[in-house]
Amino acid sequence: MIGWAFLVGAIVSEVFATISLRLAVDEKRWYVGAVAGYSIAFVLLALTLANGIPLGVAYGIWAATGVALTAVLSKFLFKEPLTWLMGLGIALIVGGVLLIETGAH
C-alpha cells in the first residue's frame, strides 16, 4: 500500500514541476520548483518500484496521469486549449493504463 502512496506523491510532484516549468517562462524563480519537483518525483518513483509495484505499471500510471492532469490544469491555469480530441486522447491513455494494470495481475 505504501508503494501506491509513493506513486501518488511522484505524480503530484511531477505535475507541480511541469506547471512550474511553464510558470518559469515569465518568472525565472519557478525553475527552482521545476528542479525540486522533478527530483522529488524521481525519488518517489524509485521508492514506488522498491515497494513492489512493477515498472510497467508504475511508469504507465505515472506518465499517463501526469499527462492528463497537466493538460486539464493547463486549461484552467494558462487558458490553453483542451479540445474534445485531446480529451479523447486522455481517455485512450487512461484506458491503456487500465489494460496494463489489469494485465499485470
Protein backbone atom coordinates (compact mmCIF):
# COMPACT_ATOMS: atom_id res chain seq x y z
CA MET A 1 0.00 0.00 0.00
CA ILE A 2 2.87 2.38 0.72
CA GLY A 3 4.09 1.90 -2.85
CA TRP A 4 0.85 3.40 -4.13
CA ALA A 5 1.24 6.37 -1.77
CA PHE A 6 4.74 6.94 -3.16
CA LEU A 7 3.31 6.76 -6.69
CA VAL A 8 0.67 9.39 -5.90
CA GLY A 9 3.40 11.61 -4.47
CA ALA A 10 5.51 11.09 -7.59
CA ILE A 11 2.59 12.10 -9.80
CA VAL A 12 1.81 15.23 -7.79
CA SER A 13 5.50 16.22 -7.75
CA GLU A 14 5.87 15.70 -11.49
CA VAL A 15 2.76 17.73 -12.29
CA PHE A 16 3.94 20.50 -9.95
CA ALA A 17 7.32 20.50 -11.71
CA THR A 18 5.76 20.68 -15.15
CA ILE A 19 3.45 23.54 -14.16
CA SER A 20 6.46 25.27 -12.57
CA LEU A 21 8.34 24.91 -15.84
CA ARG A 22 5.52 26.72 -17.63
CA LEU A 23 5.47 29.43 -14.96
CA ALA A 24 9.24 29.87 -15.32
CA VAL A 25 8.66 31.30 -18.80
CA ASP A 26 7.52 34.50 -17.09
CA GLU A 27 9.27 34.26 -13.72
CA LYS A 28 12.66 32.55 -13.65
CA ARG A 29 12.39 31.67 -9.95
CA TRP A 30 9.95 28.90 -10.88
CA TYR A 31 12.88 26.91 -12.25
CA VAL A 32 13.63 26.06 -8.63
CA GLY A 33 10.18 24.48 -8.33
CA ALA A 34 10.70 22.58 -11.57
CA VAL A 35 14.04 21.12 -10.49
CA ALA A 36 12.79 20.30 -6.99
CA GLY A 37 9.55 18.79 -8.28
CA TYR A 38 11.24 16.56 -10.84
CA SER A 39 13.88 15.49 -8.31
CA ILE A 40 11.25 14.55 -5.75
CA ALA A 41 9.18 12.80 -8.42
CA PHE A 42 12.08 10.56 -9.46
CA VAL A 43 12.95 9.68 -5.86
CA LEU A 44 9.32 8.82 -5.13
CA LEU A 45 9.06 6.79 -8.33
CA ALA A 46 12.15 4.83 -7.27
CA LEU A 47 10.56 4.22 -3.86
CA THR A 48 7.40 3.07 -5.65
CA LEU A 49 9.42 0.45 -7.51
CA ALA A 50 11.31 -0.54 -4.36
CA ASN A 51 7.96 -1.25 -2.71
CA GLY A 52 6.94 -3.84 -5.25
CA ILE A 53 4.93 -2.04 -7.89
CA PRO A 54 6.09 -3.33 -11.30
CA LEU A 55 7.92 -0.86 -13.53
CA GLY A 56 5.46 -1.08 -16.44
CA VAL A 57 2.51 -0.42 -14.15
CA ALA A 58 4.15 2.36 -12.12
CA TYR A 59 5.59 4.19 -15.11
CA GLY A 60 2.40 3.85 -17.13
CA ILE A 61 0.25 5.27 -14.35
CA TRP A 62 2.80 7.97 -13.53
CA ALA A 63 3.17 9.15 -17.11
CA ALA A 64 -0.49 8.90 -18.12
CA THR A 65 -1.82 10.58 -15.02
CA GLY A 66 0.80 13.32 -15.33
CA VAL A 67 -0.17 13.99 -18.94
CA ALA A 68 -3.89 14.07 -18.13
CA LEU A 69 -3.58 16.29 -15.06
CA THR A 70 -1.18 18.67 -16.78
CA ALA A 71 -3.50 19.06 -19.76
CA VAL A 72 -6.51 19.77 -17.56
CA LEU A 73 -4.64 22.15 -15.25
CA SER A 74 -3.14 23.99 -18.24
CA LYS A 75 -6.63 24.76 -19.48
CA PHE A 76 -7.59 26.41 -16.21
CA LEU A 77 -4.28 27.97 -15.19
CA PHE A 78 -2.99 29.14 -18.57
CA LYS A 79 -6.11 29.19 -20.74
CA GLU A 80 -4.53 26.62 -23.07
CA PRO A 81 -6.81 24.59 -25.34
CA LEU A 82 -8.36 21.30 -24.25
CA THR A 83 -10.33 20.10 -27.24
CA TRP A 84 -12.61 17.09 -27.48
CA LEU A 85 -9.89 15.34 -29.48
CA MET A 86 -7.40 15.96 -26.68
CA GLY A 87 -10.00 14.64 -24.22
CA LEU A 88 -10.35 11.52 -26.34
CA GLY A 89 -6.58 11.10 -26.26
CA ILE A 90 -6.60 11.38 -22.47
CA ALA A 91 -9.40 8.79 -22.28
CA LEU A 92 -7.39 6.44 -24.51
CA ILE A 93 -4.32 6.90 -22.32
CA VAL A 94 -6.35 6.10 -19.20
CA GLY A 95 -7.84 3.06 -20.92
CA GLY A 96 -4.40 1.85 -21.96
CA VAL A 97 -3.05 2.21 -18.43
CA LEU A 98 -6.04 0.27 -17.08
CA LEU A 99 -5.31 -2.52 -19.55
CA ILE A 100 -1.66 -2.58 -18.47
CA GLU A 101 -2.69 -2.65 -14.81
CA THR A 102 -5.22 -5.47 -15.23
CA GLY A 103 -2.83 -7.42 -17.43
CA ALA A 104 -0.13 -7.28 -14.76
CA HIS A 105 -2.14 -9.45 -12.35
